[in-house]
Amino acid sequence: MFSCYIVTFCSPRIRKTSSMAGMELLSDQGFRIDGRKPKELRRIQCRLGVFNQADGSAYIEQGNTKVLAAVYGPHETAGGRGKALHDRVLVNCQYSMATFSTGERKRRPRGDRKSKEMTMHLQQTFNAAIMTSLYPRSQIDIYVEVLQSDGGNYCASVNAATLALIDAGIPMKDYVCACSASFVKDCPMVDINFLEESSGGPELIVATLPKSSQIVFLEMNSRLHEDNLSKVLDVAVKGTKDVYQVLDNAVRDHISEVSAFHKLDQS
């Protein structure tokens, strides 16, 4: 059973670029542009505790997409008591992209439309996952910076922020794991990169609480026939569970390293 909090359907967009002309997203042998199979994730590498100044922090690489996340709080609500929520914590998110994160070297103001949209999506996602009632009249800040973009920015941002929240010790209902999927040549493809995103084909983005398979965010870009929706959704949800295994192993390794360091420090 799936329970969904947020569903967003974006209007169809034509994003095909000249570099995509004649490029085959899926070969006759069943391999993608980067050599992966259709249901294979990009390589994920991640670390927790990368900033000493933050209460929690994390760095993640999903393929060539690289993201930093930092968490501060819970702390007193910024702007005075008037902005505080009496029954739950205020989750404040800020998403930004470094100037050098893409091939286009242009200034990216923090308040541009795309950043505001991504900030809103992150805030909705983590409001559904954090146990907000434990910290009434307080605030948690989540800052996400995309250092390098090669597709799946939302997914990498969610996964990095999840690790940062765990590093900060913020109680959550479960990990929040995100993954994208597409549909090419009657075949669902998981964890799509920038070239696959830019092809103009369907893109489904999903964030779940993996243990319960509860969907907390779902977005569909471009059109996809309803007969194929369940196939693509199943692949994306399976992708979030595969991401969960990687993140959980990273958390366990980090805890082991920290515990070993404290034992050495005490001896």
C-alpha atoms as a PDB file:
ATOM      1  CA  MET A   1       0.000   0.000   0.000  1.00  0.00           C
ATOM      2  CA  PHE A   2       1.235   3.466  -0.876  1.00  0.00           C
ATOM      3  CA  SER A   3       0.256   6.589   1.021  1.00  0.00           C
ATOM      4  CA  CYS A   4       1.101   9.837  -0.726  1.00  0.00           C
ATOM      5  CA  TYR A   5       1.463  13.313   0.768  1.00  0.00           C
ATOM      6  CA  ILE A   6       2.480  15.450  -2.186  1.00  0.00           C
ATOM      7  CA  VAL A   7       1.787  14.896  -5.857  1.00  0.00           C
ATOM      8  CA  THR A   8       2.897  17.378  -8.473  1.00  0.00           C
ATOM      9  CA  PHE A   9       2.202  17.061 -12.187  1.00  0.00           C
ATOM     10  CA  CYS A  10       4.160  19.530 -14.273  1.00  0.00           C
ATOM     11  CA  SER A  11       3.023  20.662 -17.672  1.00  0.00           C
ATOM     12  CA  PRO A  12       4.751  18.951 -20.605  1.00  0.00           C
ATOM     13  CA  ARG A  13       8.059  20.555 -21.430  1.00  0.00           C
ATOM     14  CA  ILE A  14      10.201  20.163 -24.519  1.00  0.00           C
ATOM     15  CA  ARG A  15      13.774  20.027 -23.276  1.00  0.00           C
ATOM     16  CA  LYS A  16      15.511  18.393 -26.215  1.00  0.00           C
ATOM     17  CA  THR A  17      18.884  19.948 -27.015  1.00  0.00           C
ATOM     18  CA  SER A  18      20.960  19.866 -30.158  1.00  0.00           C
ATOM     19  CA  SER A  19      23.455  17.552 -28.454  1.00  0.00           C
ATOM     20  CA  MET A  20      20.686  14.992 -28.026  1.00  0.00           C
ATOM     21  CA  ALA A  21      19.904  14.816 -31.742  1.00  0.00           C
ATOM     22  CA  GLY A  22      20.512  11.301 -33.003  1.00  0.00           C
ATOM     23  CA  MET A  23      21.694  10.090 -29.597  1.00  0.00           C
ATOM     24  CA  GLU A  24      20.332   6.715 -28.527  1.00  0.00           C
ATOM     25  CA  LEU A  25      19.298   6.647 -24.868  1.00  0.00           C
ATOM     26  CA  LEU A  26      18.987   2.853 -24.820  1.00  0.00           C
ATOM     27  CA  SER A  27      20.924   0.615 -27.182  1.00  0.00           C
ATOM     28  CA  ASP A  28      19.573  -2.532 -28.810  1.00  0.00           C
ATOM     29  CA  GLN A  29      21.768  -4.473 -26.367  1.00  0.00           C
ATOM     30  CA  GLY A  30      19.971  -2.861 -23.427  1.00  0.00           C
ATOM     31  CA  PHE A  31      22.664  -0.407 -22.289  1.00  0.00           C
ATOM     32  CA  ARG A  32      22.270   3.286 -21.550  1.00  0.00           C
ATOM     33  CA  ILE A  33      24.495   6.200 -22.597  1.00  0.00           C
ATOM     34  CA  ASP A  34      26.711   5.828 -19.502  1.00  0.00           C
ATOM     35  CA  GLY A  35      26.930   2.025 -19.804  1.00  0.00           C
ATOM     36  CA  ARG A  36      24.385   1.173 -17.107  1.00  0.00           C
ATOM     37  CA  LYS A  37      21.553  -1.286 -17.456  1.00  0.00           C
ATOM     38  CA  PRO A  38      18.005   0.170 -17.288  1.00  0.00           C
ATOM     39  CA  LYS A  39      17.444  -0.743 -13.627  1.00  0.00           C
ATOM     40  CA  GLU A  40      20.949   0.069 -12.390  1.00  0.00           C
ATOM     41  CA  LEU A  41      21.613   3.043 -10.106  1.00  0.00           C
ATOM     42  CA  ARG A  42      24.509   5.381 -10.602  1.00  0.00           C
ATOM     43  CA  ARG A  43      27.389   4.850  -8.173  1.00  0.00           C
ATOM     44  CA  ILE A  44      26.656   6.465  -4.799  1.00  0.00           C
ATOM     45  CA  GLN A  45      29.386   7.672  -2.437  1.00  0.00           C
ATOM     46  CA  CYS A  46      28.589   9.574   0.750  1.00  0.00           C
ATOM     47  CA  ARG A  47      30.062  10.822   4.017  1.00  0.00           C
ATOM     48  CA  LEU A  48      28.567  12.186   7.229  1.00  0.00           C
ATOM     49  CA  GLY A  49      30.011  14.830   9.540  1.00  0.00           C
ATOM     50  CA  VAL A  50      31.873  16.875   6.934  1.00  0.00           C
ATOM     51  CA  PHE A  51      31.334  20.256   8.709  1.00  0.00           C
ATOM     52  CA  ASN A  52      32.297  20.818  12.328  1.00  0.00           C
ATOM     53  CA  GLN A  53      30.349  24.090  12.516  1.00  0.00           C
ATOM     54  CA  ALA A  54      26.958  22.535  11.701  1.00  0.00           C
ATOM     55  CA  ASP A  55      24.886  20.334  14.005  1.00  0.00           C
ATOM     56  CA  GLY A  56      24.767  17.789  11.199  1.00  0.00           C
ATOM     57  CA  SER A  57      26.245  17.595   7.712  1.00  0.00           C
ATOM     58  CA  ALA A  58      26.756  15.240   4.789  1.00  0.00           C
ATOM     59  CA  TYR A  59      28.239  15.021   1.314  1.00  0.00           C
ATOM     60  CA  ILE A  60      26.922  12.752  -1.421  1.00  0.00           C
ATOM     61  CA  GLU A  61      27.864  11.858  -4.964  1.00  0.00           C
ATOM     62  CA  GLN A  62      25.293  10.174  -7.199  1.00  0.00           C
ATOM     63  CA  GLY A  63      27.115   9.590 -10.422  1.00  0.00           C
ATOM     64  CA  ASN A  64      28.489  13.014 -11.341  1.00  0.00           C
ATOM     65  CA  THR A  65      25.946  14.917  -9.249  1.00  0.00           C
ATOM     66  CA  LYS A  66      27.571  16.177  -6.041  1.00  0.00           C
ATOM     67  CA  VAL A  67      25.703  17.761  -3.139  1.00  0.00           C
ATOM     68  CA  LEU A  68      26.546  19.149   0.300  1.00  0.00           C
ATOM     69  CA  ALA A  69      23.954  19.420   3.074  1.00  0.00           C
ATOM     70  CA  ALA A  70      24.132  21.066   6.487  1.00  0.00           C
ATOM     71  CA  VAL A  71      21.590  21.065   9.323  1.00  0.00           C
ATOM     72  CA  TYR A  72      21.320  23.524  12.217  1.00  0.00           C
ATOM     73  CA  GLY A  73      18.959  23.113  15.151  1.00  0.00           C
ATOM     74  CA  PRO A  74      16.588  22.690  16.737  1.00  0.00           C
ATOM     75  CA  HIS A  75      17.026  26.283  17.874  1.00  0.00           C
ATOM     76  CA  GLU A  76      14.896  29.301  18.712  1.00  0.00           C
ATOM     77  CA  THR A  77      12.735  30.431  15.824  1.00  0.00           C
ATOM     78  CA  ALA A  78      14.317  33.183  13.758  1.00  0.00           C
ATOM     79  CA  GLY A  79      12.265  36.357  13.602  1.00  0.00           C
ATOM     80  CA  GLY A  80      10.816  36.087  17.094  1.00  0.00           C
ATOM     81  CA  ARG A  81       7.978  34.165  18.692  1.00  0.00           C
ATOM     82  CA  GLY A  82       5.476  35.400  16.140  1.00  0.00           C
ATOM     83  CA  LYS A  83       6.806  32.965  13.550  1.00  0.00           C
ATOM     84  CA  ALA A  84       7.012  30.008  15.934  1.00  0.00           C
ATOM     85  CA  LEU A  85       4.548  27.121  15.562  1.00  0.00           C
ATOM     86  CA  HIS A  86       3.038  26.202  18.924  1.00  0.00           C
ATOM     87  CA  ASP A  87       2.527  22.503  18.128  1.00  0.00           C
ATOM     88  CA  ARG A  88       5.523  21.599  15.942  1.00  0.00           C
ATOM     89  CA  VAL A  89       8.935  22.626  14.703  1.00  0.00           C
ATOM     90  CA  LEU A  90       9.357  25.035  11.799  1.00  0.00           C
ATOM     91  CA  VAL A  91      11.365  23.301   9.053  1.00  0.00           C
ATOM     92  CA  ASN A  92      13.295  25.876   7.061  1.00  0.00           C
ATOM     93  CA  CYS A  93      15.031  24.718   3.843  1.00  0.00           C
ATOM     94  CA  GLN A  94      17.341  26.529   1.465  1.00  0.00           C
ATOM     95  CA  TYR A  95      18.446  25.073  -1.871  1.00  0.00           C
ATOM     96  CA  SER A  96      21.123  26.601  -4.055  1.00  0.00           C
ATOM     97  CA  MET A  97      23.432  25.680  -6.919  1.00  0.00           C
ATOM     98  CA  ALA A  98      27.071  26.693  -7.151  1.00  0.00           C
ATOM     99  CA  THR A  99      28.002  28.897 -10.107  1.00  0.00           C
ATOM    100  CA  PHE A 100      30.331  26.159 -11.345  1.00  0.00           C
ATOM    101  CA  SER A 101      27.818  23.319 -10.891  1.00  0.00           C
ATOM    102  CA  THR A 102      26.914  23.111 -14.584  1.00  0.00           C
ATOM    103  CA  GLY A 103      28.574  23.750 -17.915  1.00  0.00           C
ATOM    104  CA  GLU A 104      26.880  27.164 -18.017  1.00  0.00           C
ATOM    105  CA  ARG A 105      29.045  29.536 -15.983  1.00  0.00           C
ATOM    106  CA  LYS A 106      26.326  31.941 -14.963  1.00  0.00           C
ATOM    107  CA  ARG A 107      25.470  33.589 -11.706  1.00  0.00           C
ATOM    108  CA  ARG A 108      22.724  31.719  -9.882  1.00  0.00           C
ATOM    109  CA  PRO A 109      20.898  33.930  -7.391  1.00  0.00           C
ATOM    110  CA  ARG A 110      19.570  32.073  -4.359  1.00  0.00           C
ATOM    111  CA  GLY A 111      16.089  33.457  -4.880  1.00  0.00           C
ATOM    112  CA  ASP A 112      15.556  32.415  -8.502  1.00  0.00           C
ATOM    113  CA  ARG A 113      12.389  30.552  -9.491  1.00  0.00           C
ATOM    114  CA  LYS A 114      14.004  27.132  -9.793  1.00  0.00           C
ATOM    115  CA  SER A 115      15.710  27.404  -6.401  1.00  0.00           C
ATOM    116  CA  LYS A 116      12.473  28.544  -4.754  1.00  0.00           C
ATOM    117  CA  GLU A 117      10.600  25.606  -6.284  1.00  0.00           C
ATOM    118  CA  MET A 118      13.227  23.124  -5.125  1.00  0.00           C
ATOM    119  CA  THR A 119      13.301  24.715  -1.670  1.00  0.00           C
ATOM    120  CA  MET A 120       9.527  24.287  -1.394  1.00  0.00           C
ATOM    121  CA  HIS A 121       9.739  20.629  -2.483  1.00  0.00           C
ATOM    122  CA  LEU A 122      12.443  19.883   0.085  1.00  0.00           C
ATOM    123  CA  GLN A 123      10.454  21.600   2.816  1.00  0.00           C
ATOM    124  CA  GLN A 124       7.319  19.598   1.985  1.00  0.00           C
ATOM    125  CA  THR A 125       9.322  16.373   1.900  1.00  0.00           C
ATOM    126  CA  PHE A 126      10.984  16.800   5.273  1.00  0.00           C
ATOM    127  CA  ASN A 127       7.872  18.146   6.978  1.00  0.00           C
ATOM    128  CA  ALA A 128       6.394  14.732   6.193  1.00  0.00           C
ATOM    129  CA  ALA A 129       9.409  12.826   7.551  1.00  0.00           C
ATOM    130  CA  ILE A 130      10.718  14.720  10.597  1.00  0.00           C
ATOM    131  CA  MET A 131       8.931  14.075  13.892  1.00  0.00           C
ATOM    132  CA  THR A 132       7.997  17.740  14.078  1.00  0.00           C
ATOM    133  CA  SER A 133       5.792  17.503  17.187  1.00  0.00           C
ATOM    134  CA  LEU A 134       8.839  16.788  19.365  1.00  0.00           C
ATOM    135  CA  TYR A 135      10.161  20.334  18.977  1.00  0.00           C
ATOM    136  CA  PRO A 136       7.306  22.858  19.284  1.00  0.00           C
ATOM    137  CA  ARG A 137       8.154  26.581  19.061  1.00  0.00           C
ATOM    138  CA  SER A 138      11.566  25.882  17.541  1.00  0.00           C
ATOM    139  CA  GLN A 139      13.225  25.756  14.128  1.00  0.00           C
ATOM    140  CA  ILE A 140      15.388  23.356  12.102  1.00  0.00           C
ATOM    141  CA  ASP A 141      17.400  24.726   9.180  1.00  0.00           C
ATOM    142  CA  ILE A 142      18.379  22.512   6.232  1.00  0.00           C
ATOM    143  CA  TYR A 143      20.845  23.994   3.736  1.00  0.00           C
ATOM    144  CA  VAL A 144      21.593  22.174   0.485  1.00  0.00           C
ATOM    145  CA  GLU A 145      24.219  23.198  -2.073  1.00  0.00           C
ATOM    146  CA  VAL A 146      24.617  21.471  -5.441  1.00  0.00           C
ATOM    147  CA  LEU A 147      28.338  21.519  -6.286  1.00  0.00           C
ATOM    148  CA  GLN A 148      28.045  19.614  -9.549  1.00  0.00           C
ATOM    149  CA  SER A 149      24.893  18.848 -11.493  1.00  0.00           C
ATOM    150  CA  ASP A 150      24.425  15.854 -13.765  1.00  0.00           C
ATOM    151  CA  GLY A 151      20.735  15.121 -13.261  1.00  0.00           C
ATOM    152  CA  GLY A 152      18.710  14.090 -10.235  1.00  0.00           C
ATOM    153  CA  ASN A 153      19.382  17.256  -8.219  1.00  0.00           C
ATOM    154  CA  TYR A 154      16.261  16.864  -6.072  1.00  0.00           C
ATOM    155  CA  CYS A 155      17.017  13.203  -5.378  1.00  0.00           C
ATOM    156  CA  ALA A 156      20.635  13.817  -4.394  1.00  0.00           C
ATOM    157  CA  SER A 157      19.565  16.798  -2.250  1.00  0.00           C
ATOM    158  CA  VAL A 158      16.995  14.717  -0.353  1.00  0.00           C
ATOM    159  CA  ASN A 159      19.461  11.891   0.215  1.00  0.00           C
ATOM    160  CA  ALA A 160      22.185  14.269   1.402  1.00  0.00           C
ATOM    161  CA  ALA A 161      19.795  16.146   3.703  1.00  0.00           C
ATOM    162  CA  THR A 162      18.587  12.842   5.184  1.00  0.00           C
ATOM    163  CA  LEU A 163      22.157  11.925   6.128  1.00  0.00           C
ATOM    164  CA  ALA A 164      22.739  15.409   7.566  1.00  0.00           C
ATOM    165  CA  LEU A 165      19.584  15.161   9.703  1.00  0.00           C
ATOM    166  CA  ILE A 166      20.711  11.761  10.993  1.00  0.00           C
ATOM    167  CA  ASP A 167      24.146  13.227  11.761  1.00  0.00           C
ATOM    168  CA  ALA A 168      22.415  16.018  13.708  1.00  0.00           C
ATOM    169  CA  GLY A 169      20.384  13.484  15.701  1.00  0.00           C
ATOM    170  CA  ILE A 170      17.022  14.814  14.499  1.00  0.00           C
ATOM    171  CA  PRO A 171      14.320  12.145  15.050  1.00  0.00           C
ATOM    172  CA  MET A 172      12.585  11.070  11.832  1.00  0.00           C
ATOM    173  CA  LYS A 173       9.892   8.526  11.056  1.00  0.00           C
ATOM    174  CA  ASP A 174      12.346   6.802   8.705  1.00  0.00           C
ATOM    175  CA  TYR A 175      15.080   7.614   6.236  1.00  0.00           C
ATOM    176  CA  VAL A 176      13.815   9.711   3.320  1.00  0.00           C
ATOM    177  CA  CYS A 177      15.207   8.346   0.057  1.00  0.00           C
ATOM    178  CA  ALA A 178      14.573   9.770  -3.405  1.00  0.00           C
ATOM    179  CA  CYS A 179      15.038   8.392  -6.899  1.00  0.00           C
ATOM    180  CA  SER A 180      13.980   9.238 -10.454  1.00  0.00           C
ATOM    181  CA  ALA A 181      12.824   7.073 -13.336  1.00  0.00           C
ATOM    182  CA  SER A 182      11.976   7.403 -17.015  1.00  0.00           C
ATOM    183  CA  PHE A 183      10.525   5.312 -19.833  1.00  0.00           C
ATOM    184  CA  VAL A 184      12.413   4.678 -23.088  1.00  0.00           C
ATOM    185  CA  LYS A 185      11.656   2.091 -25.789  1.00  0.00           C
ATOM    186  CA  ASP A 186       8.957   0.467 -23.635  1.00  0.00           C
ATOM    187  CA  CYS A 187      11.528   0.029 -20.854  1.00  0.00           C
ATOM    188  CA  PRO A 188      11.561   1.756 -17.435  1.00  0.00           C
ATOM    189  CA  MET A 189      14.926   3.309 -16.507  1.00  0.00           C
ATOM    190  CA  VAL A 190      15.960   4.216 -12.966  1.00  0.00           C
ATOM    191  CA  ASP A 191      18.092   7.119 -11.657  1.00  0.00           C
ATOM    192  CA  ILE A 192      18.346   9.145 -14.855  1.00  0.00           C
ATOM    193  CA  ASN A 193      21.267  11.469 -15.581  1.00  0.00           C
ATOM    194  CA  PHE A 194      21.283  14.902 -17.205  1.00  0.00           C
ATOM    195  CA  LEU A 195      21.348  13.676 -20.812  1.00  0.00           C
ATOM    196  CA  GLU A 196      18.405  11.369 -20.104  1.00  0.00           C
ATOM    197  CA  GLU A 197      16.550  14.203 -18.337  1.00  0.00           C
ATOM    198  CA  SER A 198      17.204  16.534 -21.276  1.00  0.00           C
ATOM    199  CA  SER A 199      15.795  14.146 -23.882  1.00  0.00           C
ATOM    200  CA  GLY A 200      12.268  15.478 -23.369  1.00  0.00           C
ATOM    201  CA  GLY A 201      10.923  12.083 -22.317  1.00  0.00           C
ATOM    202  CA  PRO A 202       8.865  11.356 -19.201  1.00  0.00           C
ATOM    203  CA  GLU A 203      10.533  11.834 -15.822  1.00  0.00           C
ATOM    204  CA  LEU A 204       9.050  10.594 -12.549  1.00  0.00           C
ATOM    205  CA  ILE A 205      10.619  11.664  -9.259  1.00  0.00           C
ATOM    206  CA  VAL A 206       9.650   9.973  -6.012  1.00  0.00           C
ATOM    207  CA  ALA A 207      10.699  10.198  -2.363  1.00  0.00           C
ATOM    208  CA  THR A 208       9.692   7.469   0.068  1.00  0.00           C
ATOM    209  CA  LEU A 209      10.018   6.250   3.628  1.00  0.00           C
ATOM    210  CA  PRO A 210      11.531   2.909   2.548  1.00  0.00           C
ATOM    211  CA  LYS A 211      10.520   0.681   5.476  1.00  0.00           C
ATOM    212  CA  SER A 212       6.827   1.429   5.007  1.00  0.00           C
ATOM    213  CA  SER A 213       6.976   2.209   1.248  1.00  0.00           C
ATOM    214  CA  GLN A 214       5.109   5.415   2.065  1.00  0.00           C
ATOM    215  CA  ILE A 215       5.474   8.019  -0.683  1.00  0.00           C
ATOM    216  CA  VAL A 216       6.068  11.530   0.673  1.00  0.00           C
ATOM    217  CA  PHE A 217       6.765  13.255  -2.651  1.00  0.00           C
ATOM    218  CA  LEU A 218       5.852  12.474  -6.254  1.00  0.00           C
ATOM    219  CA  GLU A 219       6.423  14.622  -9.330  1.00  0.00           C
ATOM    220  CA  MET A 220       5.785  13.816 -12.991  1.00  0.00           C
ATOM    221  CA  ASN A 221       7.404  15.831 -15.782  1.00  0.00           C
ATOM    222  CA  SER A 222       6.140  15.395 -19.355  1.00  0.00           C
ATOM    223  CA  ARG A 223       3.517  12.875 -20.448  1.00  0.00           C
ATOM    224  CA  LEU A 224       3.426   9.164 -19.730  1.00  0.00           C
ATOM    225  CA  HIS A 225       0.617   6.823 -20.729  1.00  0.00           C
ATOM    226  CA  GLU A 226      -1.313   5.556 -17.726  1.00  0.00           C
ATOM    227  CA  ASP A 227      -0.654   1.940 -18.771  1.00  0.00           C
ATOM    228  CA  ASN A 228       3.066   2.529 -18.156  1.00  0.00           C
ATOM    229  CA  LEU A 229       2.808   4.620 -14.996  1.00  0.00           C
ATOM    230  CA  SER A 230       2.792   1.693 -12.569  1.00  0.00           C
ATOM    231  CA  LYS A 231       5.878   0.164 -14.232  1.00  0.00           C
ATOM    232  CA  VAL A 232       7.864   3.374 -13.927  1.00  0.00           C
ATOM    233  CA  LEU A 233       6.633   4.030 -10.378  1.00  0.00           C
ATOM    234  CA  ASP A 234       7.598   0.510  -9.281  1.00  0.00           C
ATOM    235  CA  VAL A 235      11.114   0.984 -10.666  1.00  0.00           C
ATOM    236  CA  ALA A 236      11.483   4.364  -8.944  1.00  0.00           C
ATOM    237  CA  VAL A 237      10.257   3.025  -5.581  1.00  0.00           C
ATOM    238  CA  LYS A 238      12.601   0.044  -5.897  1.00  0.00           C
ATOM    239  CA  GLY A 239      15.362   2.572  -6.587  1.00  0.00           C
ATOM    240  CA  THR A 240      14.618   4.406  -3.321  1.00  0.00           C
ATOM    241  CA  LYS A 241      14.982   1.128  -1.425  1.00  0.00           C
ATOM    242  CA  ASP A 242      18.317   0.461  -3.107  1.00  0.00           C
ATOM    243  CA  VAL A 243      19.416   3.993  -2.166  1.00  0.00           C
ATOM    244  CA  TYR A 244      18.321   3.281   1.414  1.00  0.00           C
ATOM    245  CA  GLN A 245      20.686   0.310   1.633  1.00  0.00           C
ATOM    246  CA  VAL A 246      23.613   2.496   0.571  1.00  0.00           C
ATOM    247  CA  LEU A 247      22.709   5.316   2.985  1.00  0.00           C
ATOM    248  CA  ASP A 248      22.113   2.932   5.874  1.00  0.00           C
ATOM    249  CA  ASN A 249      25.499   1.289   5.350  1.00  0.00           C
ATOM    250  CA  ALA A 250      27.127   4.734   5.328  1.00  0.00           C
ATOM    251  CA  VAL A 251      25.408   5.664   8.602  1.00  0.00           C
ATOM    252  CA  ARG A 252      26.492   2.401  10.253  1.00  0.00           C
ATOM    253  CA  ASP A 253      30.071   2.883   9.074  1.00  0.00           C
ATOM    254  CA  HIS A 254      30.068   6.460  10.374  1.00  0.00           C
ATOM    255  CA  ILE A 255      28.755   5.377  13.786  1.00  0.00           C
ATOM    256  CA  SER A 256      31.431   2.688  13.995  1.00  0.00           C
ATOM    257  CA  GLU A 257      34.168   5.213  13.147  1.00  0.00           C
ATOM    258  CA  VAL A 258      32.906   7.743  15.689  1.00  0.00           C
ATOM    259  CA  SER A 259      32.593   5.080  18.399  1.00  0.00           C
ATOM    260  CA  ALA A 260      36.119   3.822  17.725  1.00  0.00           C
ATOM    261  CA  PHE A 261      37.463   7.399  17.847  1.00  0.00           C
ATOM    262  CA  HIS A 262      35.785   8.064  21.229  1.00  0.00           C
ATOM    263  CA  LYS A 263      37.192   4.838  22.670  1.00  0.00           C
ATOM    264  CA  LEU A 264      40.706   5.819  21.581  1.00  0.00           C
ATOM    265  CA  ASP A 265      40.171   9.321  22.966  1.00  0.00           C
ATOM    266  CA  GLN A 266      39.141   7.946  26.362  1.00  0.00           C
ATOM    267  CA  SER A 267      41.978   5.447  26.636  1.00  0.00           C
END
